[in-house]
Amino acid sequence: MATPRLQRTRRELAAFLRACREAITPEQVGLADSGRRRTPGLRREEVATLAGVGVTWYTWLEQGREIGVSAPVLERIARVLKLDGAQRRHLFLLAQNRPPVEPGKTWCSVPPLVRRLMDDWPDHPAYVLNLRWDVLAWNAAAQTLFDFEQRPAGQRNLLWLLFTAEDLRGVFVNWAEQAPRMLASFRRDFVRATTDPSITDLVRQLERTSPEFRQWWPCQDVQAPCMGSRELLCDGQVRRYQHTTLIVDEDRHLRLVVYARDEQ
């Protein structure tokens, strides 16, 4: 017997699918308008046909019945209903109680508001990374620490700089302790971006270039996104910072890394 929570989730799934179906016109999916319809949007049988599933099965899904549904089928339904990133994620959470597996594309654009926000933090180094750890944007305080602006555009990648740039290595006071932790955090993103050849190329280049990377990469260590305390060398002085990672855009895997001086 379904629990009250599961029953509520199925009702939400049924209502969500129905609302999305009714919001799509036949013309939007390449169907001819057959005239007046009793209900707005697509018919259930039209969604089922376009998604490649049985009409009865889709009807049961939209009615919130207890049936199994695979990720590929959900993807097809999401495409038919023209769901955006947030709607697609919501569909998967309702149907499978987990988010969809993302394609892992490494996005390279940062919303202007995020740039303005970073600029409003003159005392807090901050930068934005994508799934590949390319440094997409940074503020003046981060420039003072890491000198991103002077790096060649093709090498403006935090992992690459961490293992190949001697000056940046010197910024991290406990580099031999911090670098393996950051690499273990990167591994989570590497797995999520397996469809992006550029991230695989980055790993191969680092294996050829950095002895430390070549030694640590096979260890299979995995960590959550980096946060905590970090000692950095700034203007000839060792300063302790607390740092954390904030999600800027979950669908595009953009995250904002922010440092704050540890006053203790």
Protein backbone atom coordinates (compact mmCIF):
# COMPACT_ATOMS: atom_id res chain seq x y z
CA MET A 1 0.00 0.00 0.00
CA ALA A 2 1.36 3.40 -0.97
CA THR A 3 2.39 5.73 1.83
CA PRO A 4 0.70 9.14 2.20
CA ARG A 5 3.88 10.80 0.93
CA LEU A 6 3.98 8.59 -2.17
CA GLN A 7 0.30 9.20 -2.82
CA ARG A 8 0.87 12.94 -2.63
CA THR A 9 3.83 12.69 -5.03
CA ARG A 10 1.76 10.74 -7.54
CA ARG A 11 -0.99 13.33 -7.37
CA GLU A 12 1.58 16.05 -7.97
CA LEU A 13 3.02 14.12 -10.93
CA ALA A 14 -0.44 13.65 -12.43
CA ALA A 15 -1.31 17.33 -12.05
CA PHE A 16 2.07 18.44 -13.41
CA LEU A 17 1.89 16.25 -16.52
CA ARG A 18 -1.65 17.34 -17.24
CA ALA A 19 -0.79 21.03 -16.87
CA CYS A 20 2.25 20.70 -19.16
CA ARG A 21 0.26 18.75 -21.76
CA GLU A 22 -2.52 21.33 -21.80
CA ALA A 23 0.03 24.13 -22.29
CA ILE A 24 1.34 22.69 -25.60
CA THR A 25 -0.52 23.28 -28.85
CA PRO A 26 -0.57 20.73 -31.68
CA GLU A 27 1.29 23.18 -33.91
CA GLN A 28 4.20 23.31 -31.45
CA VAL A 29 4.88 19.61 -31.94
CA GLY A 30 4.26 19.53 -35.68
CA LEU A 31 0.68 18.25 -35.64
CA ALA A 32 -2.07 19.66 -37.80
CA ASP A 33 -4.88 21.38 -35.96
CA SER A 34 -7.91 19.15 -36.47
CA GLY A 35 -10.34 21.83 -35.39
CA ARG A 36 -12.09 22.55 -32.15
CA ARG A 37 -10.98 20.51 -29.14
CA ARG A 38 -12.89 19.79 -25.98
CA THR A 39 -9.76 20.35 -23.88
CA PRO A 40 -6.80 22.71 -24.39
CA GLY A 41 -3.41 21.51 -25.53
CA LEU A 42 -2.47 18.03 -26.64
CA ARG A 43 -4.48 14.90 -26.16
CA ARG A 44 -3.05 12.07 -24.09
CA GLU A 45 -2.87 9.79 -27.12
CA GLU A 46 -0.86 12.44 -29.00
CA VAL A 47 1.69 12.69 -26.20
CA ALA A 48 1.90 8.90 -26.02
CA THR A 49 2.45 8.56 -29.77
CA LEU A 50 5.09 11.28 -29.91
CA ALA A 51 6.91 9.83 -26.88
CA GLY A 52 6.77 6.29 -28.26
CA VAL A 53 4.75 4.76 -25.42
CA GLY A 54 1.36 3.10 -25.20
CA VAL A 55 -1.72 5.24 -24.73
CA THR A 56 -2.96 3.18 -21.80
CA TRP A 57 0.44 3.31 -20.10
CA TYR A 58 0.71 7.09 -20.49
CA THR A 59 -2.86 7.51 -19.24
CA TRP A 60 -2.00 5.55 -16.13
CA LEU A 61 1.13 7.66 -15.63
CA GLU A 62 -0.88 10.86 -15.87
CA GLN A 63 -3.45 9.43 -13.49
CA GLY A 64 -0.74 8.87 -10.88
CA ARG A 65 -1.01 5.10 -10.87
CA GLU A 66 1.73 2.91 -9.42
CA ILE A 67 3.73 2.08 -12.55
CA GLY A 68 7.45 2.09 -13.29
CA VAL A 69 8.98 4.60 -15.66
CA SER A 70 12.53 4.63 -17.00
CA ALA A 71 14.77 7.66 -17.45
CA PRO A 72 14.79 7.41 -21.29
CA VAL A 73 10.99 7.45 -21.35
CA LEU A 74 10.91 10.48 -19.06
CA GLU A 75 13.40 12.21 -21.36
CA ARG A 76 11.14 11.57 -24.35
CA ILE A 77 8.09 12.86 -22.50
CA ALA A 78 10.04 15.95 -21.44
CA ARG A 79 10.98 16.64 -25.07
CA VAL A 80 7.39 16.21 -26.29
CA LEU A 81 6.11 18.57 -23.61
CA LYS A 82 9.00 20.98 -24.31
CA LEU A 83 10.00 21.19 -20.66
CA ASP A 84 12.76 23.59 -19.70
CA GLY A 85 15.58 22.63 -17.34
CA ALA A 86 13.68 23.32 -14.13
CA GLN A 87 10.55 21.55 -15.35
CA ARG A 88 12.53 18.53 -16.53
CA ARG A 89 14.22 18.25 -13.15
CA HIS A 90 10.84 18.54 -11.42
CA LEU A 91 9.44 15.75 -13.60
CA PHE A 92 12.27 13.39 -12.66
CA LEU A 93 12.01 14.20 -8.96
CA LEU A 94 8.29 13.46 -9.00
CA ALA A 95 8.56 10.29 -11.09
CA GLN A 96 11.81 8.80 -9.77
CA ASN A 97 12.61 10.78 -6.61
CA ARG A 98 15.96 11.79 -8.10
CA PRO A 99 17.20 14.40 -10.55
CA PRO A 100 18.00 13.49 -14.16
CA VAL A 101 21.51 12.62 -15.28
CA GLU A 102 22.84 15.76 -16.88
CA PRO A 103 24.67 15.73 -20.22
CA GLY A 104 27.65 17.47 -18.63
CA LYS A 105 28.10 20.31 -21.09
CA THR A 106 30.64 22.85 -19.87
CA TRP A 107 28.90 26.20 -20.08
CA CYS A 108 30.94 29.37 -20.48
CA SER A 109 28.53 32.23 -19.77
CA VAL A 110 27.90 33.92 -16.43
CA PRO A 111 24.74 35.95 -15.66
CA PRO A 112 25.47 39.71 -15.41
CA LEU A 113 23.88 39.85 -11.96
CA VAL A 114 26.43 37.34 -10.64
CA ARG A 115 29.26 39.50 -11.99
CA ARG A 116 27.77 42.53 -10.27
CA LEU A 117 27.42 40.60 -7.05
CA MET A 118 31.10 39.61 -7.10
CA ASP A 119 32.14 43.19 -7.80
CA ASP A 120 30.24 44.25 -4.68
CA TRP A 121 32.59 42.10 -2.59
CA PRO A 122 35.88 44.04 -2.70
CA ASP A 123 37.27 42.17 0.33
CA HIS A 124 36.09 38.69 -0.64
CA PRO A 125 37.89 36.88 -3.48
CA ALA A 126 35.29 35.17 -5.66
CA TYR A 127 35.22 33.36 -8.98
CA VAL A 128 32.81 31.26 -11.04
CA LEU A 129 33.64 27.75 -12.27
CA ASN A 130 31.86 25.45 -14.67
CA LEU A 131 31.87 21.65 -14.65
CA ARG A 132 35.32 21.55 -16.24
CA TRP A 133 36.63 24.06 -13.67
CA ASP A 134 37.21 26.75 -16.26
CA VAL A 135 37.38 30.11 -14.49
CA LEU A 136 34.61 32.06 -16.20
CA ALA A 137 34.49 35.23 -14.10
CA TRP A 138 36.24 36.69 -11.08
CA ASN A 139 36.38 39.87 -9.03
CA ALA A 140 39.24 42.23 -8.22
CA ALA A 141 40.05 40.49 -4.94
CA ALA A 142 40.42 37.15 -6.74
CA GLN A 143 42.58 38.84 -9.37
CA THR A 144 44.94 40.04 -6.62
CA LEU A 145 45.31 36.50 -5.30
CA PHE A 146 45.29 34.36 -8.42
CA ASP A 147 46.11 36.74 -11.30
CA PHE A 148 43.57 35.10 -13.61
CA GLU A 149 43.63 38.00 -16.06
CA GLN A 150 47.25 37.37 -17.05
CA ARG A 151 46.71 33.69 -17.79
CA PRO A 152 46.22 32.64 -21.41
CA ALA A 153 42.52 32.16 -22.07
CA GLY A 154 43.04 28.50 -22.99
CA GLN A 155 44.79 27.85 -19.67
CA ARG A 156 42.40 29.76 -17.42
CA ASN A 157 41.30 26.58 -15.72
CA LEU A 158 41.63 26.17 -11.96
CA LEU A 159 42.74 22.54 -12.06
CA TRP A 160 45.26 23.20 -14.82
CA LEU A 161 46.71 26.19 -12.99
CA LEU A 162 46.78 24.32 -9.69
CA PHE A 163 49.07 21.64 -11.12
CA THR A 164 51.09 23.53 -13.74
CA ALA A 165 51.47 27.18 -12.66
CA GLU A 166 54.33 27.52 -10.18
CA ASP A 167 53.23 30.97 -9.05
CA LEU A 168 49.70 29.78 -8.28
CA ARG A 169 51.08 26.75 -6.49
CA GLY A 170 52.92 29.19 -4.24
CA VAL A 171 49.67 30.96 -3.35
CA PHE A 172 48.39 27.80 -1.63
CA VAL A 173 50.54 27.62 1.50
CA ASN A 174 49.77 23.94 2.12
CA TRP A 175 49.66 23.00 -1.55
CA ALA A 176 50.57 19.33 -1.01
CA GLU A 177 47.59 19.04 1.34
CA GLN A 178 45.10 21.18 -0.58
CA ALA A 179 45.75 19.96 -4.12
CA PRO A 180 44.71 16.31 -3.53
CA ARG A 181 41.50 17.49 -1.84
CA MET A 182 40.64 19.76 -4.73
CA LEU A 183 41.40 16.95 -7.17
CA ALA A 184 39.09 14.62 -5.24
CA SER A 185 36.35 17.25 -5.53
CA PHE A 186 36.99 17.63 -9.27
CA ARG A 187 36.51 13.88 -9.77
CA ARG A 188 32.81 14.27 -8.94
CA ASP A 189 32.47 16.76 -11.79
CA PHE A 190 34.55 14.62 -14.13
CA VAL A 191 32.07 11.75 -13.77
CA ARG A 192 29.13 14.07 -14.43
CA ALA A 193 30.74 15.37 -17.63
CA THR A 194 31.68 12.11 -19.31
CA THR A 195 29.94 13.18 -22.53
CA ASP A 196 32.14 16.27 -22.87
CA PRO A 197 35.44 15.39 -24.60
CA SER A 198 37.08 18.62 -23.44
CA ILE A 199 37.12 17.49 -19.82
CA THR A 200 38.73 14.18 -20.80
CA ASP A 201 41.32 16.08 -22.82
CA LEU A 202 42.10 18.21 -19.75
CA VAL A 203 42.79 15.11 -17.66
CA ARG A 204 45.01 13.61 -20.36
CA GLN A 205 47.02 16.82 -20.67
CA LEU A 206 47.51 16.97 -16.92
CA GLU A 207 48.62 13.34 -16.82
CA ARG A 208 51.30 14.18 -19.38
CA THR A 209 52.32 17.44 -17.72
CA SER A 210 52.15 17.04 -13.94
CA PRO A 211 53.87 14.22 -12.01
CA GLU A 212 51.69 14.91 -8.96
CA PHE A 213 48.50 14.73 -10.98
CA ARG A 214 49.70 11.52 -12.61
CA GLN A 215 50.34 10.04 -9.15
CA TRP A 216 47.11 11.16 -7.46
CA TRP A 217 44.53 10.76 -10.23
CA PRO A 218 44.42 6.91 -10.10
CA CYS A 219 43.74 6.99 -6.32
CA GLN A 220 39.98 7.34 -6.89
CA ASP A 221 39.50 9.68 -3.93
CA VAL A 222 36.19 11.54 -4.03
CA GLN A 223 35.12 14.51 -1.90
CA ALA A 224 32.21 16.88 -1.67
CA PRO A 225 32.63 20.41 -3.09
CA CYS A 226 35.57 22.13 -1.43
CA MET A 227 34.80 24.28 1.58
CA GLY A 228 36.48 25.04 4.87
CA SER A 229 39.72 26.75 5.82
CA ARG A 230 42.57 27.55 3.48
CA GLU A 231 45.84 29.45 3.97
CA LEU A 232 46.84 31.64 1.04
CA LEU A 233 49.85 33.84 0.39
CA CYS A 234 48.72 37.39 -0.42
CA ASP A 235 51.08 40.36 -0.79
CA GLY A 236 53.83 38.42 0.94
CA GLN A 237 51.67 37.58 3.95
CA VAL A 238 50.03 34.29 4.88
CA ARG A 239 46.32 34.82 5.43
CA ARG A 240 43.73 32.31 6.50
CA TYR A 241 40.44 32.24 4.61
CA GLN A 242 37.18 30.41 5.01
CA HIS A 243 35.81 29.40 1.63
CA THR A 244 32.59 27.88 0.35
CA THR A 245 30.87 27.02 -2.91
CA LEU A 246 27.47 28.41 -3.90
CA ILE A 247 25.34 27.11 -6.77
CA VAL A 248 24.75 29.81 -9.39
CA ASP A 249 22.93 27.71 -11.99
CA GLU A 250 22.20 24.08 -11.15
CA ASP A 251 21.21 23.11 -14.68
CA ARG A 252 24.40 24.56 -16.17
CA HIS A 253 26.62 23.41 -13.30
CA LEU A 254 27.89 26.91 -12.55
CA ARG A 255 29.18 27.47 -9.04
CA LEU A 256 30.50 30.53 -7.24
CA VAL A 257 33.53 30.05 -4.98
CA VAL A 258 33.82 32.73 -2.29
CA TYR A 259 36.61 33.40 0.22
CA ALA A 260 36.25 35.34 3.48
CA ARG A 261 39.10 36.30 5.81
CA ASP A 262 39.21 34.15 8.92
CA GLU A 263 39.48 36.65 11.75
CA GLN A 264 40.17 34.06 14.43
